[in-house]
Amino acid sequence: MDSLKSYLNQGISFVQEAWSELSKVHYPSPKETMQATIVVIALTFVMAIWLGLIDLGATRVVKALLS
């Protein structure tokens, strides 16, 4: 019975600590979310172009070496 009470007390303590931490969370505004989304999309686009150019160059080098 003591182990059951111990588990129950640990569970209650965990929920209290988790709730306390959740009250400290800063949720972004819709404007901040949109700005972050635009940055992610732009960086993804830039990286796709960069990796595409690197791949194109590497492909040409390998083709030149094999021909």
PDB file of N, CA and C in Angstrom:
ATOM      1  N   MET A   1       0.811  -1.193   0.000  1.00  0.00           N
ATOM      2  CA  MET A   1       0.000   0.000   0.000  1.00  0.00           C
ATOM      3  C   MET A   1       0.858   1.262   0.000  1.00  0.00           C
ATOM      4  N   ASP A   2       2.020   1.174   0.702  1.00  0.00           N
ATOM      5  CA  ASP A   2       2.907   2.338   0.741  1.00  0.00           C
ATOM      6  C   ASP A   2       3.480   2.635  -0.633  1.00  0.00           C
ATOM      7  N   SER A   3       3.763   1.576  -1.409  1.00  0.00           N
ATOM      8  CA  SER A   3       4.320   1.821  -2.743  1.00  0.00           C
ATOM      9  C   SER A   3       3.288   2.483  -3.646  1.00  0.00           C
ATOM     10  N   LEU A   4       2.015   2.144  -3.474  1.00  0.00           N
ATOM     11  CA  LEU A   4       0.947   2.776  -4.248  1.00  0.00           C
ATOM     12  C   LEU A   4       0.848   4.260  -3.901  1.00  0.00           C
ATOM     13  N   LYS A   5       0.940   4.585  -2.621  1.00  0.00           N
ATOM     14  CA  LYS A   5       0.901   5.985  -2.187  1.00  0.00           C
ATOM     15  C   LYS A   5       2.124   6.724  -2.725  1.00  0.00           C
ATOM     16  N   SER A   6       3.259   6.061  -2.734  1.00  0.00           N
ATOM     17  CA  SER A   6       4.488   6.676  -3.240  1.00  0.00           C
ATOM     18  C   SER A   6       4.340   7.002  -4.722  1.00  0.00           C
ATOM     19  N   TYR A   7       3.824   6.048  -5.501  1.00  0.00           N
ATOM     20  CA  TYR A   7       3.608   6.297  -6.935  1.00  0.00           C
ATOM     21  C   TYR A   7       2.593   7.418  -7.152  1.00  0.00           C
ATOM     22  N   LEU A   8       1.551   7.431  -6.343  1.00  0.00           N
ATOM     23  CA  LEU A   8       0.530   8.466  -6.456  1.00  0.00           C
ATOM     24  C   LEU A   8       1.124   9.838  -6.134  1.00  0.00           C
ATOM     25  N   ASN A   9       1.926   9.905  -5.069  1.00  0.00           N
ATOM     26  CA  ASN A   9       2.570  11.170  -4.702  1.00  0.00           C
ATOM     27  C   ASN A   9       3.547  11.623  -5.780  1.00  0.00           C
ATOM     28  N   GLN A  10       4.278  10.685  -6.379  1.00  0.00           N
ATOM     29  CA  GLN A  10       5.197  11.033  -7.465  1.00  0.00           C
ATOM     30  C   GLN A  10       4.422  11.561  -8.670  1.00  0.00           C
ATOM     31  N   GLY A  11       3.306  10.946  -8.972  1.00  0.00           N
ATOM     32  CA  GLY A  11       2.474  11.387 -10.086  1.00  0.00           C
ATOM     33  C   GLY A  11       1.924  12.782  -9.849  1.00  0.00           C
ATOM     34  N   ILE A  12       1.441  13.025  -8.645  1.00  0.00           N
ATOM     35  CA  ILE A  12       0.906  14.346  -8.300  1.00  0.00           C
ATOM     36  C   ILE A  12       2.008  15.389  -8.374  1.00  0.00           C
ATOM     37  N   SER A  13       3.179  15.056  -7.856  1.00  0.00           N
ATOM     38  CA  SER A  13       4.316  15.980  -7.894  1.00  0.00           C
ATOM     39  C   SER A  13       4.705  16.300  -9.336  1.00  0.00           C
ATOM     40  N   PHE A  14       4.722  15.272 -10.176  1.00  0.00           N
ATOM     41  CA  PHE A  14       5.065  15.483 -11.586  1.00  0.00           C
ATOM     42  C   PHE A  14       4.078  16.416 -12.261  1.00  0.00           C
ATOM     43  N   VAL A  15       2.791  16.201 -12.044  1.00  0.00           N
ATOM     44  CA  VAL A  15       1.766  17.039 -12.667  1.00  0.00           C
ATOM     45  C   VAL A  15       1.885  18.479 -12.179  1.00  0.00           C
ATOM     46  N   GLN A  16       2.150  18.673 -10.889  1.00  0.00           N
ATOM     47  CA  GLN A  16       2.307  20.025 -10.351  1.00  0.00           C
ATOM     48  C   GLN A  16       3.516  20.723 -10.970  1.00  0.00           C
ATOM     49  N   GLU A  17       4.640  20.020 -11.077  1.00  0.00           N
ATOM     50  CA  GLU A  17       5.840  20.607 -11.668  1.00  0.00           C
ATOM     51  C   GLU A  17       5.642  20.890 -13.154  1.00  0.00           C
ATOM     52  N   ALA A  18       4.991  19.988 -13.857  1.00  0.00           N
ATOM     53  CA  ALA A  18       4.733  20.192 -15.279  1.00  0.00           C
ATOM     54  C   ALA A  18       3.823  21.400 -15.483  1.00  0.00           C
ATOM     55  N   TRP A  19       2.802  21.547 -14.661  1.00  0.00           N
ATOM     56  CA  TRP A  19       1.888  22.684 -14.778  1.00  0.00           C
ATOM     57  C   TRP A  19       2.629  23.987 -14.492  1.00  0.00           C
ATOM     58  N   SER A  20       3.532  23.947 -13.527  1.00  0.00           N
ATOM     59  CA  SER A  20       4.332  25.130 -13.200  1.00  0.00           C
ATOM     60  C   SER A  20       5.214  25.527 -14.375  1.00  0.00           C
ATOM     61  N   GLU A  21       5.823  24.557 -15.019  1.00  0.00           N
ATOM     62  CA  GLU A  21       6.676  24.847 -16.177  1.00  0.00           C
ATOM     63  C   GLU A  21       5.851  25.351 -17.364  1.00  0.00           C
ATOM     64  N   LEU A  22       4.667  24.794 -17.559  1.00  0.00           N
ATOM     65  CA  LEU A  22       3.807  25.239 -18.661  1.00  0.00           C
ATOM     66  C   LEU A  22       3.369  26.689 -18.488  1.00  0.00           C
ATOM     67  N   SER A  23       3.283  27.153 -17.258  1.00  0.00           N
ATOM     68  CA  SER A  23       2.886  28.546 -17.044  1.00  0.00           C
ATOM     69  C   SER A  23       4.003  29.509 -17.442  1.00  0.00           C
ATOM     70  N   LYS A  24       5.231  29.008 -17.597  1.00  0.00           N
ATOM     71  CA  LYS A  24       6.366  29.843 -17.980  1.00  0.00           C
ATOM     72  C   LYS A  24       6.565  29.905 -19.498  1.00  0.00           C
ATOM     73  N   VAL A  25       5.835  29.098 -20.237  1.00  0.00           N
ATOM     74  CA  VAL A  25       6.018  29.002 -21.681  1.00  0.00           C
ATOM     75  C   VAL A  25       5.519  30.264 -22.367  1.00  0.00           C
ATOM     76  N   HIS A  26       6.298  30.754 -23.332  1.00  0.00           N
ATOM     77  CA  HIS A  26       5.880  31.904 -24.145  1.00  0.00           C
ATOM     78  C   HIS A  26       5.373  31.359 -25.473  1.00  0.00           C
ATOM     79  N   TYR A  27       4.099  31.525 -25.721  1.00  0.00           N
ATOM     80  CA  TYR A  27       3.524  31.086 -26.982  1.00  0.00           C
ATOM     81  C   TYR A  27       3.606  32.235 -27.974  1.00  0.00           C
ATOM     82  N   PRO A  28       4.102  31.981 -29.180  1.00  0.00           N
ATOM     83  CA  PRO A  28       4.251  33.070 -30.150  1.00  0.00           C
ATOM     84  C   PRO A  28       2.899  33.570 -30.648  1.00  0.00           C
ATOM     85  N   SER A  29       2.910  34.847 -30.999  1.00  0.00           N
ATOM     86  CA  SER A  29       1.699  35.442 -31.561  1.00  0.00           C
ATOM     87  C   SER A  29       1.556  34.961 -33.005  1.00  0.00           C
ATOM     88  N   PRO A  30       0.395  35.127 -33.602  1.00  0.00           N
ATOM     89  CA  PRO A  30       0.240  34.751 -35.010  1.00  0.00           C
ATOM     90  C   PRO A  30       1.230  35.472 -35.927  1.00  0.00           C
ATOM     91  N   LYS A  31       1.541  36.727 -35.615  1.00  0.00           N
ATOM     92  CA  LYS A  31       2.494  37.482 -36.422  1.00  0.00           C
ATOM     93  C   LYS A  31       3.891  36.854 -36.325  1.00  0.00           C
ATOM     94  N   GLU A  32       4.316  36.508 -35.114  1.00  0.00           N
ATOM     95  CA  GLU A  32       5.625  35.871 -34.925  1.00  0.00           C
ATOM     96  C   GLU A  32       5.679  34.517 -35.622  1.00  0.00           C
ATOM     97  N   THR A  33       4.586  33.773 -35.551  1.00  0.00           N
ATOM     98  CA  THR A  33       4.525  32.471 -36.208  1.00  0.00           C
ATOM     99  C   THR A  33       4.650  32.621 -37.716  1.00  0.00           C
ATOM    100  N   MET A  34       3.978  33.607 -38.287  1.00  0.00           N
ATOM    101  CA  MET A  34       4.045  33.845 -39.730  1.00  0.00           C
ATOM    102  C   MET A  34       5.455  34.243 -40.136  1.00  0.00           C
ATOM    103  N   GLN A  35       6.086  35.118 -39.364  1.00  0.00           N
ATOM    104  CA  GLN A  35       7.454  35.543 -39.678  1.00  0.00           C
ATOM    105  C   GLN A  35       8.419  34.360 -39.641  1.00  0.00           C
ATOM    106  N   ALA A  36       8.302  33.516 -38.625  1.00  0.00           N
ATOM    107  CA  ALA A  36       9.174  32.352 -38.516  1.00  0.00           C
ATOM    108  C   ALA A  36       8.929  31.386 -39.673  1.00  0.00           C
ATOM    109  N   THR A  37       7.685  31.226 -40.068  1.00  0.00           N
ATOM    110  CA  THR A  37       7.348  30.341 -41.183  1.00  0.00           C
ATOM    111  C   THR A  37       7.956  30.850 -42.483  1.00  0.00           C
ATOM    112  N   ILE A  38       7.892  32.151 -42.699  1.00  0.00           N
ATOM    113  CA  ILE A  38       8.468  32.735 -43.912  1.00  0.00           C
ATOM    114  C   ILE A  38       9.985  32.528 -43.931  1.00  0.00           C
ATOM    115  N   VAL A  39      10.631  32.715 -42.787  1.00  0.00           N
ATOM    116  CA  VAL A  39      12.085  32.499 -42.707  1.00  0.00           C
ATOM    117  C   VAL A  39      12.425  31.049 -43.027  1.00  0.00           C
ATOM    118  N   VAL A  40      11.683  30.112 -42.468  1.00  0.00           N
ATOM    119  CA  VAL A  40      11.948  28.691 -42.720  1.00  0.00           C
ATOM    120  C   VAL A  40      11.764  28.357 -44.196  1.00  0.00           C
ATOM    121  N   ILE A  41      10.698  28.853 -44.807  1.00  0.00           N
ATOM    122  CA  ILE A  41      10.447  28.582 -46.227  1.00  0.00           C
ATOM    123  C   ILE A  41      11.544  29.190 -47.094  1.00  0.00           C
ATOM    124  N   ALA A  42      11.949  30.422 -46.783  1.00  0.00           N
ATOM    125  CA  ALA A  42      12.997  31.087 -47.567  1.00  0.00           C
ATOM    126  C   ALA A  42      14.325  30.340 -47.445  1.00  0.00           C
ATOM    127  N   LEU A  43      14.697  29.956 -46.242  1.00  0.00           N
ATOM    128  CA  LEU A  43      15.957  29.229 -46.057  1.00  0.00           C
ATOM    129  C   LEU A  43      15.915  27.857 -46.718  1.00  0.00           C
ATOM    130  N   THR A  44      14.765  27.211 -46.685  1.00  0.00           N
ATOM    131  CA  THR A  44      14.623  25.924 -47.358  1.00  0.00           C
ATOM    132  C   THR A  44      14.817  26.088 -48.862  1.00  0.00           C
ATOM    133  N   PHE A  45      14.242  27.141 -49.419  1.00  0.00           N
ATOM    134  CA  PHE A  45      14.380  27.422 -50.840  1.00  0.00           C
ATOM    135  C   PHE A  45      15.842  27.696 -51.203  1.00  0.00           C
ATOM    136  N   VAL A  46      16.515  28.512 -50.403  1.00  0.00           N
ATOM    137  CA  VAL A  46      17.930  28.824 -50.646  1.00  0.00           C
ATOM    138  C   VAL A  46      18.785  27.559 -50.568  1.00  0.00           C
ATOM    139  N   MET A  47      18.548  26.741 -49.559  1.00  0.00           N
ATOM    140  CA  MET A  47      19.328  25.502 -49.419  1.00  0.00           C
ATOM    141  C   MET A  47      19.054  24.538 -50.565  1.00  0.00           C
ATOM    142  N   ALA A  48      17.818  24.482 -51.047  1.00  0.00           N
ATOM    143  CA  ALA A  48      17.486  23.608 -52.174  1.00  0.00           C
ATOM    144  C   ALA A  48      18.244  24.049 -53.419  1.00  0.00           C
ATOM    145  N   ILE A  49      18.295  25.347 -53.654  1.00  0.00           N
ATOM    146  CA  ILE A  49      19.043  25.849 -54.814  1.00  0.00           C
ATOM    147  C   ILE A  49      20.524  25.536 -54.655  1.00  0.00           C
ATOM    148  N   TRP A  50      21.072  25.800 -53.472  1.00  0.00           N
ATOM    149  CA  TRP A  50      22.492  25.541 -53.207  1.00  0.00           C
ATOM    150  C   TRP A  50      22.829  24.058 -53.426  1.00  0.00           C
ATOM    151  N   LEU A  51      22.053  23.179 -52.837  1.00  0.00           N
ATOM    152  CA  LEU A  51      22.320  21.745 -52.976  1.00  0.00           C
ATOM    153  C   LEU A  51      22.109  21.283 -54.414  1.00  0.00           C
ATOM    154  N   GLY A  52      21.139  21.866 -55.111  1.00  0.00           N
ATOM    155  CA  GLY A  52      20.938  21.530 -56.518  1.00  0.00           C
ATOM    156  C   GLY A  52      22.135  21.921 -57.363  1.00  0.00           C
ATOM    157  N   LEU A  53      22.699  23.094 -57.118  1.00  0.00           N
ATOM    158  CA  LEU A  53      23.888  23.529 -57.856  1.00  0.00           C
ATOM    159  C   LEU A  53      25.097  22.644 -57.542  1.00  0.00           C
ATOM    160  N   ILE A  54      25.264  22.293 -56.285  1.00  0.00           N
ATOM    161  CA  ILE A  54      26.367  21.401 -55.901  1.00  0.00           C
ATOM    162  C   ILE A  54      26.189  20.046 -56.590  1.00  0.00           C
ATOM    163  N   ASP A  55      24.976  19.523 -56.592  1.00  0.00           N
ATOM    164  CA  ASP A  55      24.703  18.240 -57.237  1.00  0.00           C
ATOM    165  C   ASP A  55      24.961  18.324 -58.740  1.00  0.00           C
ATOM    166  N   LEU A  56      24.525  19.392 -59.366  1.00  0.00           N
ATOM    167  CA  LEU A  56      24.750  19.577 -60.800  1.00  0.00           C
ATOM    168  C   LEU A  56      26.245  19.609 -61.104  1.00  0.00           C
ATOM    169  N   GLY A  57      26.999  20.356 -60.318  1.00  0.00           N
ATOM    170  CA  GLY A  57      28.450  20.421 -60.520  1.00  0.00           C
ATOM    171  C   GLY A  57      29.114  19.079 -60.310  1.00  0.00           C
ATOM    172  N   ALA A  58      28.737  18.379 -59.257  1.00  0.00           N
ATOM    173  CA  ALA A  58      29.338  17.066 -58.989  1.00  0.00           C
ATOM    174  C   ALA A  58      28.997  16.079 -60.095  1.00  0.00           C
ATOM    175  N   THR A  59      27.779  16.146 -60.589  1.00  0.00           N
ATOM    176  CA  THR A  59      27.373  15.251 -61.684  1.00  0.00           C
ATOM    177  C   THR A  59      28.200  15.514 -62.919  1.00  0.00           C
ATOM    178  N   ARG A  60      28.422  16.767 -63.248  1.00  0.00           N
ATOM    179  CA  ARG A  60      29.234  17.105 -64.433  1.00  0.00           C
ATOM    180  C   ARG A  60      30.671  16.651 -64.274  1.00  0.00           C
ATOM    181  N   VAL A  61      31.212  16.808 -63.075  1.00  0.00           N
ATOM    182  CA  VAL A  61      32.588  16.365 -62.820  1.00  0.00           C
ATOM    183  C   VAL A  61      32.695  14.861 -62.986  1.00  0.00           C
ATOM    184  N   VAL A  62      31.771  14.121 -62.421  1.00  0.00           N
ATOM    185  CA  VAL A  62      31.817  12.660 -62.522  1.00  0.00           C
ATOM    186  C   VAL A  62      31.634  12.226 -63.982  1.00  0.00           C
ATOM    187  N   LYS A  63      30.724  12.850 -64.697  1.00  0.00           N
ATOM    188  CA  LYS A  63      30.524  12.510 -66.121  1.00  0.00           C
ATOM    189  C   LYS A  63      31.791  12.796 -66.921  1.00  0.00           C
ATOM    190  N   ALA A  64      32.445  13.915 -66.635  1.00  0.00           N
ATOM    191  CA  ALA A  64      33.678  14.262 -67.348  1.00  0.00           C
ATOM    192  C   ALA A  64      34.785  13.251 -67.038  1.00  0.00           C
ATOM    193  N   LEU A  65      34.858  12.794 -65.818  1.00  0.00           N
ATOM    194  CA  LEU A  65      35.882  11.821 -65.446  1.00  0.00           C
ATOM    195  C   LEU A  65      35.611  10.442 -66.048  1.00  0.00           C
ATOM    196  N   LEU A  66      34.348  10.098 -66.192  1.00  0.00           N
ATOM    197  CA  LEU A  66      34.001   8.780 -66.726  1.00  0.00           C
ATOM    198  C   LEU A  66      33.958   8.729 -68.251  1.00  0.00           C
ATOM    199  N   SER A  67      33.933   9.865 -68.919  1.00  0.00           N
ATOM    200  CA  SER A  67      33.863   9.874 -70.379  1.00  0.00           C
ATOM    201  C   SER A  67      35.221   9.799 -70.997  1.00  0.00           C
TER     202      SER A  67
END
